[in-house]
N, C-alpha and C. Protein backbone atom coordinates (compact mmCIF):
# COMPACT_ATOMS: atom_id res chain seq x y z
N MET A 1 105.11 103.31 98.93
CA MET A 1 104.93 104.57 98.21
C MET A 1 103.62 104.48 97.44
N THR A 2 102.77 105.46 97.59
CA THR A 2 101.49 105.43 96.90
C THR A 2 101.32 106.69 96.06
N GLU A 3 100.36 106.61 95.15
CA GLU A 3 100.03 107.71 94.26
C GLU A 3 101.25 108.24 93.50
N ASP A 4 102.14 107.33 93.11
CA ASP A 4 103.33 107.70 92.35
C ASP A 4 103.44 106.81 91.11
N PRO A 5 102.80 107.21 90.01
CA PRO A 5 102.84 106.39 88.80
C PRO A 5 104.26 106.12 88.30
N ALA A 6 105.18 107.08 88.46
CA ALA A 6 106.55 106.87 87.99
C ALA A 6 107.21 105.72 88.74
N ALA A 7 106.94 105.58 90.03
CA ALA A 7 107.52 104.49 90.80
C ALA A 7 106.95 103.14 90.36
N VAL A 8 105.66 103.12 90.06
CA VAL A 8 105.03 101.88 89.57
C VAL A 8 105.64 101.49 88.23
N LEU A 9 105.78 102.45 87.32
CA LEU A 9 106.36 102.15 86.01
C LEU A 9 107.80 101.66 86.15
N ALA A 10 108.57 102.28 87.05
CA ALA A 10 109.96 101.85 87.26
C ALA A 10 110.00 100.43 87.80
N SER A 11 109.09 100.11 88.71
CA SER A 11 109.04 98.76 89.26
C SER A 11 108.68 97.74 88.19
N LEU A 12 107.70 98.07 87.36
CA LEU A 12 107.31 97.17 86.27
C LEU A 12 108.46 96.98 85.29
N ALA A 13 109.14 98.06 84.94
CA ALA A 13 110.24 98.00 83.97
C ALA A 13 111.42 97.21 84.51
N SER A 14 111.57 97.13 85.83
CA SER A 14 112.69 96.39 86.41
C SER A 14 112.37 94.91 86.65
N ASN A 15 111.12 94.53 86.47
CA ASN A 15 110.70 93.15 86.68
C ASN A 15 110.83 92.38 85.36
N PRO A 16 111.69 91.36 85.31
CA PRO A 16 111.89 90.62 84.04
C PRO A 16 110.61 90.02 83.46
N LYS A 17 109.65 89.68 84.31
CA LYS A 17 108.40 89.08 83.84
C LYS A 17 107.42 90.12 83.31
N LEU A 18 107.61 91.39 83.68
CA LEU A 18 106.64 92.42 83.33
C LEU A 18 107.19 93.53 82.44
N ARG A 19 108.51 93.62 82.32
CA ARG A 19 109.09 94.76 81.58
C ARG A 19 108.68 94.81 80.11
N GLY A 20 108.33 93.68 79.52
CA GLY A 20 107.90 93.66 78.13
C GLY A 20 106.56 94.33 77.88
N PHE A 21 105.84 94.63 78.95
CA PHE A 21 104.54 95.28 78.82
C PHE A 21 104.64 96.80 78.96
N VAL A 22 105.85 97.28 79.26
CA VAL A 22 106.08 98.71 79.46
C VAL A 22 106.95 99.24 78.33
N ARG A 23 106.51 100.35 77.74
CA ARG A 23 107.30 100.97 76.67
C ARG A 23 106.95 102.45 76.62
N GLY A 24 107.95 103.27 76.42
CA GLY A 24 107.72 104.70 76.27
C GLY A 24 107.12 105.37 77.49
N GLY A 25 107.44 104.86 78.67
CA GLY A 25 106.95 105.48 79.89
C GLY A 25 105.50 105.19 80.22
N GLU A 26 104.98 104.08 79.69
CA GLU A 26 103.61 103.67 80.03
C GLU A 26 103.45 102.17 79.81
N ILE A 27 102.38 101.63 80.34
CA ILE A 27 102.03 100.25 80.08
C ILE A 27 101.47 100.22 78.66
N GLU A 28 102.15 99.49 77.79
CA GLU A 28 101.76 99.45 76.38
C GLU A 28 100.56 98.54 76.15
N ARG A 29 100.53 97.43 76.87
CA ARG A 29 99.43 96.47 76.72
C ARG A 29 99.31 95.66 78.00
N MET A 30 98.14 95.08 78.17
CA MET A 30 97.89 94.23 79.34
C MET A 30 98.30 92.80 79.00
N PRO A 31 98.89 92.11 79.95
CA PRO A 31 99.24 90.70 79.71
C PRO A 31 98.00 89.86 79.44
N ALA A 32 98.10 88.96 78.50
CA ALA A 32 96.99 88.06 78.19
C ALA A 32 96.86 86.96 79.24
N LYS A 33 97.99 86.50 79.76
CA LYS A 33 97.97 85.43 80.77
C LYS A 33 97.58 86.02 82.12
N ARG A 34 96.63 85.36 82.78
CA ARG A 34 96.09 85.89 84.03
C ARG A 34 97.16 86.06 85.10
N GLU A 35 98.06 85.11 85.24
CA GLU A 35 99.09 85.22 86.28
C GLU A 35 99.94 86.49 86.12
N ARG A 36 100.38 86.75 84.90
CA ARG A 36 101.17 87.96 84.65
C ARG A 36 100.32 89.22 84.83
N ARG A 37 99.08 89.15 84.36
CA ARG A 37 98.19 90.30 84.51
C ARG A 37 97.99 90.62 85.99
N ARG A 38 97.81 89.58 86.81
CA ARG A 38 97.65 89.81 88.26
C ARG A 38 98.92 90.38 88.87
N GLN A 39 100.09 89.95 88.41
CA GLN A 39 101.34 90.53 88.90
C GLN A 39 101.41 92.02 88.55
N LEU A 40 101.05 92.35 87.32
CA LEU A 40 101.06 93.75 86.90
C LEU A 40 100.04 94.55 87.71
N LEU A 41 98.85 94.02 87.89
CA LEU A 41 97.81 94.73 88.64
C LEU A 41 98.20 94.91 90.11
N ALA A 42 98.92 93.94 90.67
CA ALA A 42 99.39 94.08 92.06
C ALA A 42 100.31 95.28 92.19
N GLU A 43 101.13 95.51 91.18
CA GLU A 43 102.00 96.69 91.19
C GLU A 43 101.17 97.96 91.02
N VAL A 44 100.21 97.95 90.10
CA VAL A 44 99.36 99.11 89.88
C VAL A 44 98.57 99.44 91.14
N ALA A 45 98.11 98.42 91.85
CA ALA A 45 97.33 98.64 93.09
C ALA A 45 98.13 99.41 94.13
N GLN A 46 99.45 99.38 94.02
CA GLN A 46 100.30 100.12 94.96
C GLN A 46 100.08 101.63 94.86
N LEU A 47 99.46 102.09 93.78
CA LEU A 47 99.14 103.51 93.66
C LEU A 47 98.16 103.97 94.73
N PHE A 48 97.37 103.05 95.23
CA PHE A 48 96.25 103.40 96.09
C PHE A 48 96.51 102.97 97.53
N GLU A 49 96.36 103.91 98.43
CA GLU A 49 96.58 103.66 99.85
C GLU A 49 95.41 102.84 100.42
N PRO A 50 95.69 101.72 101.08
CA PRO A 50 94.60 100.97 101.71
C PRO A 50 93.82 101.86 102.69
N GLY A 51 92.51 101.75 102.66
CA GLY A 51 91.67 102.50 103.58
C GLY A 51 91.27 103.88 103.09
N VAL A 52 91.82 104.32 101.96
CA VAL A 52 91.49 105.64 101.42
C VAL A 52 90.47 105.47 100.30
N ARG A 53 89.47 106.33 100.29
CA ARG A 53 88.44 106.33 99.24
C ARG A 53 88.86 107.33 98.15
N TYR A 54 88.79 106.89 96.90
CA TYR A 54 89.20 107.71 95.77
C TYR A 54 88.02 107.93 94.84
N PRO A 55 87.66 109.18 94.53
CA PRO A 55 86.61 109.42 93.53
C PRO A 55 87.11 108.97 92.16
N GLU A 56 86.19 108.54 91.32
CA GLU A 56 86.56 108.00 90.02
C GLU A 56 87.46 108.93 89.19
N PRO A 57 87.23 110.25 89.17
CA PRO A 57 88.14 111.10 88.40
C PRO A 57 89.59 111.03 88.88
N GLN A 58 89.80 110.89 90.17
CA GLN A 58 91.16 110.77 90.69
C GLN A 58 91.77 109.42 90.30
N VAL A 59 90.97 108.36 90.36
CA VAL A 59 91.43 107.04 89.92
C VAL A 59 91.82 107.11 88.45
N ASN A 60 90.98 107.74 87.64
CA ASN A 60 91.27 107.87 86.21
C ASN A 60 92.59 108.60 85.98
N ASP A 61 92.79 109.71 86.68
CA ASP A 61 94.03 110.48 86.51
C ASP A 61 95.25 109.65 86.84
N LEU A 62 95.20 108.90 87.93
CA LEU A 62 96.34 108.07 88.32
C LEU A 62 96.58 106.96 87.30
N LEU A 63 95.51 106.32 86.86
CA LEU A 63 95.66 105.21 85.91
C LEU A 63 96.08 105.69 84.53
N LEU A 64 95.61 106.86 84.11
CA LEU A 64 96.00 107.40 82.80
C LEU A 64 97.49 107.70 82.73
N ALA A 65 98.11 107.93 83.87
CA ALA A 65 99.56 108.14 83.89
C ALA A 65 100.31 106.84 83.59
N LEU A 66 99.59 105.71 83.66
CA LEU A 66 100.19 104.39 83.42
C LEU A 66 99.74 103.75 82.11
N TYR A 67 98.47 103.92 81.77
CA TYR A 67 97.86 103.14 80.69
C TYR A 67 96.78 103.98 80.03
N MET A 68 96.73 103.98 78.71
CA MET A 68 95.82 104.88 78.00
C MET A 68 94.35 104.54 78.17
N ASP A 69 94.02 103.32 78.55
CA ASP A 69 92.63 102.91 78.71
C ASP A 69 92.33 102.72 80.20
N CYS A 70 92.06 103.83 80.87
CA CYS A 70 91.86 103.75 82.32
C CYS A 70 90.60 102.95 82.68
N ALA A 71 89.59 102.95 81.83
CA ALA A 71 88.37 102.18 82.12
C ALA A 71 88.68 100.68 82.17
N THR A 72 89.48 100.20 81.23
CA THR A 72 89.86 98.79 81.23
C THR A 72 90.70 98.47 82.47
N MET A 73 91.63 99.35 82.80
CA MET A 73 92.47 99.12 83.97
C MET A 73 91.63 99.10 85.24
N ARG A 74 90.68 100.03 85.37
CA ARG A 74 89.79 100.04 86.54
C ARG A 74 89.03 98.73 86.63
N ARG A 75 88.50 98.29 85.48
CA ARG A 75 87.71 97.05 85.45
C ARG A 75 88.55 95.86 85.90
N PHE A 76 89.78 95.76 85.38
CA PHE A 76 90.66 94.67 85.78
C PHE A 76 90.95 94.74 87.28
N LEU A 77 91.22 95.92 87.81
CA LEU A 77 91.51 96.05 89.24
C LEU A 77 90.33 95.59 90.10
N VAL A 78 89.11 95.89 89.66
CA VAL A 78 87.92 95.47 90.39
C VAL A 78 87.67 93.97 90.18
N ASP A 79 87.73 93.51 88.93
CA ASP A 79 87.45 92.11 88.63
C ASP A 79 88.43 91.17 89.33
N GLU A 80 89.67 91.59 89.44
CA GLU A 80 90.70 90.75 90.08
C GLU A 80 90.81 91.01 91.58
N GLU A 81 89.87 91.79 92.11
CA GLU A 81 89.73 92.04 93.54
C GLU A 81 90.93 92.75 94.18
N PHE A 82 91.50 93.68 93.44
CA PHE A 82 92.49 94.58 94.01
C PHE A 82 91.81 95.85 94.52
N MET A 83 90.67 96.19 93.90
CA MET A 83 89.90 97.36 94.31
C MET A 83 88.42 97.01 94.30
N ASP A 84 87.65 97.82 95.04
CA ASP A 84 86.20 97.71 95.00
C ASP A 84 85.66 99.09 94.70
N ARG A 85 84.37 99.16 94.40
CA ARG A 85 83.78 100.45 94.05
C ARG A 85 82.31 100.48 94.44
N ALA A 86 81.82 101.68 94.68
CA ALA A 86 80.41 101.93 94.91
C ALA A 86 80.17 103.42 94.72
N ASP A 87 79.12 103.74 93.99
CA ASP A 87 78.69 105.14 93.81
C ASP A 87 79.82 106.05 93.33
N GLY A 88 80.62 105.57 92.38
CA GLY A 88 81.68 106.40 91.80
C GLY A 88 82.90 106.60 92.68
N VAL A 89 83.02 105.79 93.73
CA VAL A 89 84.16 105.86 94.64
C VAL A 89 84.84 104.49 94.65
N TYR A 90 86.17 104.51 94.65
CA TYR A 90 86.98 103.28 94.62
C TYR A 90 87.86 103.23 95.85
N TRP A 91 88.16 102.00 96.30
CA TRP A 91 89.09 101.80 97.39
C TRP A 91 89.80 100.47 97.19
N ARG A 92 91.00 100.42 97.71
CA ARG A 92 91.84 99.23 97.55
C ARG A 92 91.43 98.16 98.56
N ILE A 93 91.28 96.93 98.06
CA ILE A 93 90.89 95.81 98.94
C ILE A 93 91.89 94.65 98.85
N GLY A 94 92.88 94.74 97.96
CA GLY A 94 93.80 93.62 97.79
C GLY A 94 95.16 94.07 97.34
N GLY A 95 96.03 93.09 97.17
CA GLY A 95 97.39 93.37 96.76
C GLY A 95 98.31 93.52 97.95
N PRO A 96 99.58 93.49 97.69
CA PRO A 96 100.55 93.59 98.78
C PRO A 96 100.54 94.98 99.40
N VAL A 97 100.83 95.03 100.67
CA VAL A 97 100.98 96.31 101.36
C VAL A 97 102.47 96.52 101.58
N GLY A 98 102.95 97.64 101.16
CA GLY A 98 104.37 97.93 101.30
C GLY A 98 104.84 98.75 100.14
N SER A 99 106.13 98.74 99.92
CA SER A 99 106.69 99.58 98.88
C SER A 99 106.46 98.97 97.51
N VAL A 100 106.44 99.82 96.51
CA VAL A 100 106.34 99.37 95.12
C VAL A 100 107.53 98.49 94.83
N GLY A 101 107.27 97.41 94.10
CA GLY A 101 108.35 96.48 93.75
C GLY A 101 108.42 95.29 94.67
N SER A 102 107.47 95.15 95.61
CA SER A 102 107.51 94.04 96.54
C SER A 102 106.95 92.76 95.98
N VAL A 103 106.36 92.82 94.79
CA VAL A 103 105.81 91.62 94.15
C VAL A 103 106.86 91.08 93.19
N GLY A 104 107.16 89.80 93.25
CA GLY A 104 108.20 89.25 92.39
C GLY A 104 107.76 88.23 91.52
């Protein structure tokens, strides 16, 4: 399932390792530990269909439904190699392919 922030939030909230980062229907904070942050980002990457190019405003809209600082979230997704970008366009390059909740 892609482009469904509610499904990503539900998956994060159901994961015992990640549920503490979700509150009030959004990601409250990013994990400080890289392993947990990568697990969370793998779930967030499920928003984006592999092979599809997304203009930055669309990426921002999807990420804002999850986390109030979409610029930080975009940066983490690129830095951790879940997404790449060029000329204001983003595309998914990493993370699991399949339904939300497949990362444990």
